[in-house]
Amino acid sequence: MPFPSTTEPKHELEEIAVAQPANRVLHTALLWEHRRSLARVTAVALLLSLVIAFAIPKRYAPSHQSLVDVRFESADRSHQLLQSAPRESDA
């Protein structure tokens, strides 16, 4: 069984390199032929996304309490307890 030649991949690469510009022209021509349907699809997608974006409520109502709020409430409770506790000077 003969070993593959090291020049074979170069030929394949050259063929691919030559074929790419032709493919680009074909793809561009295909897109140009379907430009109206592509524009319609783009417009419909834009309108649908705008409808969805404006249908979502503007305000976010969190369903949990943030850690910052918990810390402030804890500090307020501690302060209230200290204020309501009997002082040594009162005794």
N, C-alpha and C. Protein backbone atom coordinates (compact mmCIF):
# COMPACT_ATOMS: atom_id res chain seq x y z
N MET A 1 0.85 -1.18 0.00
CA MET A 1 0.00 0.00 0.00
C MET A 1 0.90 1.24 0.00
N PRO A 2 0.80 2.08 -0.99
CA PRO A 2 1.67 3.26 -1.06
C PRO A 2 1.20 4.34 -0.09
N PHE A 3 2.17 5.05 0.41
CA PHE A 3 1.86 6.17 1.32
C PHE A 3 1.34 7.35 0.50
N PRO A 4 0.43 8.11 1.09
CA PRO A 4 -0.08 9.27 0.34
C PRO A 4 1.02 10.31 0.15
N SER A 5 0.96 10.93 -0.95
CA SER A 5 1.94 11.95 -1.29
C SER A 5 1.68 13.20 -0.46
N THR A 6 2.73 13.92 -0.14
CA THR A 6 2.56 15.16 0.64
C THR A 6 2.04 16.29 -0.23
N THR A 7 2.01 16.10 -1.54
CA THR A 7 1.51 17.15 -2.43
C THR A 7 0.00 17.08 -2.62
N GLU A 8 -0.62 15.97 -2.26
CA GLU A 8 -2.07 15.84 -2.45
C GLU A 8 -2.87 16.86 -1.66
N PRO A 9 -2.58 17.06 -0.39
CA PRO A 9 -3.37 18.06 0.33
C PRO A 9 -3.22 19.46 -0.26
N LYS A 10 -2.07 19.78 -0.82
CA LYS A 10 -1.89 21.09 -1.42
C LYS A 10 -2.83 21.28 -2.60
N HIS A 11 -2.99 20.23 -3.40
CA HIS A 11 -3.89 20.32 -4.54
C HIS A 11 -5.33 20.51 -4.07
N GLU A 12 -5.72 19.79 -3.02
CA GLU A 12 -7.07 19.92 -2.49
C GLU A 12 -7.30 21.33 -1.95
N LEU A 13 -6.30 21.86 -1.26
CA LEU A 13 -6.42 23.21 -0.73
C LEU A 13 -6.54 24.24 -1.84
N GLU A 14 -5.77 24.01 -2.91
CA GLU A 14 -5.86 24.93 -4.05
C GLU A 14 -7.23 24.88 -4.69
N GLU A 15 -7.81 23.68 -4.79
CA GLU A 15 -9.15 23.55 -5.35
C GLU A 15 -10.18 24.25 -4.48
N ILE A 16 -10.03 24.09 -3.16
CA ILE A 16 -10.95 24.74 -2.24
C ILE A 16 -10.80 26.26 -2.34
N ALA A 17 -9.57 26.72 -2.41
CA ALA A 17 -9.33 28.16 -2.49
C ALA A 17 -9.90 28.75 -3.77
N VAL A 18 -9.84 28.01 -4.85
CA VAL A 18 -10.39 28.48 -6.12
C VAL A 18 -11.92 28.44 -6.07
N ALA A 19 -12.49 27.48 -5.37
CA ALA A 19 -13.94 27.32 -5.34
C ALA A 19 -14.60 28.35 -4.42
N GLN A 20 -13.91 28.87 -3.45
CA GLN A 20 -14.53 29.79 -2.48
C GLN A 20 -15.05 31.07 -3.12
N PRO A 21 -14.30 31.76 -3.97
CA PRO A 21 -14.88 32.97 -4.57
C PRO A 21 -16.14 32.68 -5.38
N ALA A 22 -16.18 31.57 -6.08
CA ALA A 22 -17.37 31.22 -6.85
C ALA A 22 -18.54 30.97 -5.91
N ASN A 23 -18.30 30.33 -4.77
CA ASN A 23 -19.36 30.10 -3.79
C ASN A 23 -19.86 31.42 -3.22
N ARG A 24 -18.96 32.34 -2.98
CA ARG A 24 -19.37 33.64 -2.45
C ARG A 24 -20.28 34.37 -3.44
N VAL A 25 -19.94 34.28 -4.70
CA VAL A 25 -20.76 34.92 -5.73
C VAL A 25 -22.13 34.26 -5.77
N LEU A 26 -22.16 32.94 -5.72
CA LEU A 26 -23.44 32.22 -5.73
C LEU A 26 -24.28 32.55 -4.51
N HIS A 27 -23.64 32.59 -3.33
CA HIS A 27 -24.37 32.92 -2.10
C HIS A 27 -24.90 34.35 -2.15
N THR A 28 -24.10 35.25 -2.64
CA THR A 28 -24.54 36.64 -2.76
C THR A 28 -25.70 36.75 -3.74
N ALA A 29 -25.63 36.05 -4.84
CA ALA A 29 -26.72 36.07 -5.82
C ALA A 29 -27.99 35.47 -5.23
N LEU A 30 -27.84 34.41 -4.45
CA LEU A 30 -28.99 33.78 -3.81
C LEU A 30 -29.65 34.73 -2.81
N LEU A 31 -28.84 35.41 -2.00
CA LEU A 31 -29.38 36.38 -1.05
C LEU A 31 -30.07 37.53 -1.79
N TRP A 32 -29.47 37.98 -2.89
CA TRP A 32 -30.05 39.09 -3.65
C TRP A 32 -31.38 38.70 -4.27
N GLU A 33 -31.49 37.45 -4.72
CA GLU A 33 -32.76 36.99 -5.30
C GLU A 33 -33.87 36.94 -4.26
N HIS A 34 -33.52 36.64 -3.04
CA HIS A 34 -34.52 36.49 -1.97
C HIS A 34 -34.54 37.70 -1.04
N ARG A 35 -34.09 38.83 -1.50
CA ARG A 35 -33.97 40.01 -0.63
C ARG A 35 -35.32 40.47 -0.10
N ARG A 36 -36.37 40.37 -0.90
CA ARG A 36 -37.70 40.83 -0.45
C ARG A 36 -38.24 39.93 0.65
N SER A 37 -38.11 38.64 0.48
CA SER A 37 -38.60 37.73 1.54
C SER A 37 -37.75 37.87 2.80
N LEU A 38 -36.45 38.09 2.63
CA LEU A 38 -35.58 38.32 3.78
C LEU A 38 -35.96 39.61 4.50
N ALA A 39 -36.31 40.64 3.74
CA ALA A 39 -36.74 41.91 4.34
C ALA A 39 -38.06 41.72 5.09
N ARG A 40 -38.98 40.95 4.52
CA ARG A 40 -40.26 40.68 5.20
C ARG A 40 -40.05 39.93 6.50
N VAL A 41 -39.23 38.91 6.46
CA VAL A 41 -38.95 38.12 7.67
C VAL A 41 -38.29 38.99 8.73
N THR A 42 -37.37 39.84 8.32
CA THR A 42 -36.70 40.75 9.25
C THR A 42 -37.69 41.73 9.86
N ALA A 43 -38.60 42.29 9.03
CA ALA A 43 -39.58 43.24 9.53
C ALA A 43 -40.55 42.58 10.50
N VAL A 44 -41.01 41.39 10.19
CA VAL A 44 -41.93 40.68 11.07
C VAL A 44 -41.24 40.34 12.39
N ALA A 45 -40.01 39.90 12.34
CA ALA A 45 -39.27 39.58 13.56
C ALA A 45 -39.08 40.84 14.41
N LEU A 46 -38.79 41.97 13.78
CA LEU A 46 -38.63 43.22 14.50
C LEU A 46 -39.93 43.63 15.18
N LEU A 47 -41.04 43.54 14.44
CA LEU A 47 -42.34 43.91 15.02
C LEU A 47 -42.72 42.99 16.18
N LEU A 48 -42.52 41.69 16.00
CA LEU A 48 -42.83 40.76 17.08
C LEU A 48 -41.98 41.01 18.32
N SER A 49 -40.71 41.29 18.12
CA SER A 49 -39.84 41.55 19.27
C SER A 49 -40.23 42.85 19.97
N LEU A 50 -40.66 43.86 19.20
CA LEU A 50 -41.13 45.10 19.83
C LEU A 50 -42.42 44.88 20.62
N VAL A 51 -43.34 44.10 20.06
CA VAL A 51 -44.59 43.80 20.78
C VAL A 51 -44.29 43.07 22.08
N ILE A 52 -43.43 42.09 22.02
CA ILE A 52 -43.07 41.34 23.23
C ILE A 52 -42.37 42.25 24.23
N ALA A 53 -41.46 43.09 23.76
CA ALA A 53 -40.72 43.97 24.67
C ALA A 53 -41.64 44.95 25.37
N PHE A 54 -42.63 45.50 24.66
CA PHE A 54 -43.54 46.45 25.29
C PHE A 54 -44.65 45.77 26.07
N ALA A 55 -44.88 44.49 25.86
CA ALA A 55 -45.90 43.76 26.61
C ALA A 55 -45.41 43.35 28.00
N ILE A 56 -44.10 43.27 28.17
CA ILE A 56 -43.54 42.90 29.47
C ILE A 56 -43.73 44.08 30.42
N PRO A 57 -44.17 43.82 31.67
CA PRO A 57 -44.37 44.92 32.62
C PRO A 57 -43.10 45.73 32.85
N LYS A 58 -43.29 47.03 33.07
CA LYS A 58 -42.14 47.92 33.24
C LYS A 58 -41.50 47.77 34.61
N ARG A 59 -42.29 47.42 35.60
CA ARG A 59 -41.76 47.32 36.97
C ARG A 59 -41.45 45.88 37.32
N TYR A 60 -40.39 45.75 38.05
CA TYR A 60 -39.99 44.45 38.54
C TYR A 60 -40.43 44.34 39.99
N ALA A 61 -41.19 43.33 40.30
CA ALA A 61 -41.64 43.11 41.67
C ALA A 61 -40.88 41.90 42.23
N PRO A 62 -39.90 42.15 43.07
CA PRO A 62 -39.13 41.03 43.59
C PRO A 62 -39.98 40.15 44.50
N SER A 63 -39.75 38.88 44.43
CA SER A 63 -40.51 37.95 45.27
C SER A 63 -39.72 37.55 46.51
N HIS A 64 -38.57 38.15 46.70
CA HIS A 64 -37.77 37.86 47.88
C HIS A 64 -37.23 39.16 48.44
N GLN A 65 -36.71 39.09 49.64
CA GLN A 65 -36.17 40.27 50.29
C GLN A 65 -34.65 40.26 50.10
N SER A 66 -34.11 41.40 49.73
CA SER A 66 -32.67 41.43 49.47
C SER A 66 -31.89 41.39 50.78
N LEU A 67 -30.67 40.99 50.69
CA LEU A 67 -29.81 40.87 51.86
C LEU A 67 -29.57 42.23 52.49
N VAL A 68 -29.51 43.28 51.71
CA VAL A 68 -29.29 44.62 52.24
C VAL A 68 -30.47 45.03 53.11
N ASP A 69 -31.70 44.76 52.66
CA ASP A 69 -32.89 45.09 53.44
C ASP A 69 -32.89 44.33 54.77
N VAL A 70 -32.51 43.07 54.74
CA VAL A 70 -32.48 42.25 55.95
C VAL A 70 -31.49 42.84 56.95
N ARG A 71 -30.34 43.27 56.48
CA ARG A 71 -29.33 43.84 57.38
C ARG A 71 -29.83 45.14 58.00
N PHE A 72 -30.47 46.00 57.22
CA PHE A 72 -30.98 47.25 57.76
C PHE A 72 -32.10 47.00 58.76
N GLU A 73 -32.99 46.04 58.46
CA GLU A 73 -34.06 45.72 59.40
C GLU A 73 -33.49 45.17 60.69
N SER A 74 -32.46 44.35 60.58
CA SER A 74 -31.82 43.79 61.76
C SER A 74 -31.18 44.90 62.59
N ALA A 75 -30.55 45.84 61.92
CA ALA A 75 -29.93 46.97 62.63
C ALA A 75 -31.01 47.83 63.28
N ASP A 76 -32.14 48.04 62.61
CA ASP A 76 -33.23 48.82 63.20
C ASP A 76 -33.79 48.12 64.44
N ARG A 77 -33.97 46.82 64.37
CA ARG A 77 -34.48 46.07 65.53
C ARG A 77 -33.50 46.15 66.69
N SER A 78 -32.22 46.05 66.39
CA SER A 78 -31.22 46.15 67.45
C SER A 78 -31.26 47.53 68.08
N HIS A 79 -31.38 48.55 67.26
CA HIS A 79 -31.45 49.92 67.77
C HIS A 79 -32.70 50.11 68.63
N GLN A 80 -33.83 49.57 68.21
CA GLN A 80 -35.07 49.69 68.98
C GLN A 80 -34.94 48.96 70.31
N LEU A 81 -34.33 47.79 70.31
CA LEU A 81 -34.15 47.05 71.55
C LEU A 81 -33.25 47.83 72.51
N LEU A 82 -32.21 48.45 71.99
CA LEU A 82 -31.32 49.23 72.84
C LEU A 82 -32.05 50.45 73.41
N GLN A 83 -32.88 51.06 72.62
CA GLN A 83 -33.62 52.24 73.07
C GLN A 83 -34.66 51.85 74.13
N SER A 84 -35.29 50.69 73.99
CA SER A 84 -36.34 50.30 74.93
C SER A 84 -35.79 49.62 76.18
N ALA A 85 -34.55 49.23 76.17
CA ALA A 85 -33.96 48.55 77.34
C ALA A 85 -33.78 49.58 78.45
N PRO A 86 -33.98 49.13 79.71
CA PRO A 86 -33.77 50.06 80.84
C PRO A 86 -32.30 50.44 80.96
N ARG A 87 -32.08 51.70 81.23
CA ARG A 87 -30.71 52.19 81.37
C ARG A 87 -30.27 52.07 82.82
N GLU A 88 -28.97 52.03 83.01
CA GLU A 88 -28.43 51.91 84.35
C GLU A 88 -28.73 53.18 85.15
N SER A 89 -28.76 54.31 84.49
CA SER A 89 -29.03 55.55 85.19
C SER A 89 -30.49 55.64 85.65
N ASP A 90 -31.40 54.88 84.97
CA ASP A 90 -32.80 54.87 85.37
C ASP A 90 -33.03 54.03 86.61
N ALA A 91 -32.17 53.06 86.86
CA ALA A 91 -32.37 52.14 87.96
C ALA A 91 -31.98 52.69 89.28
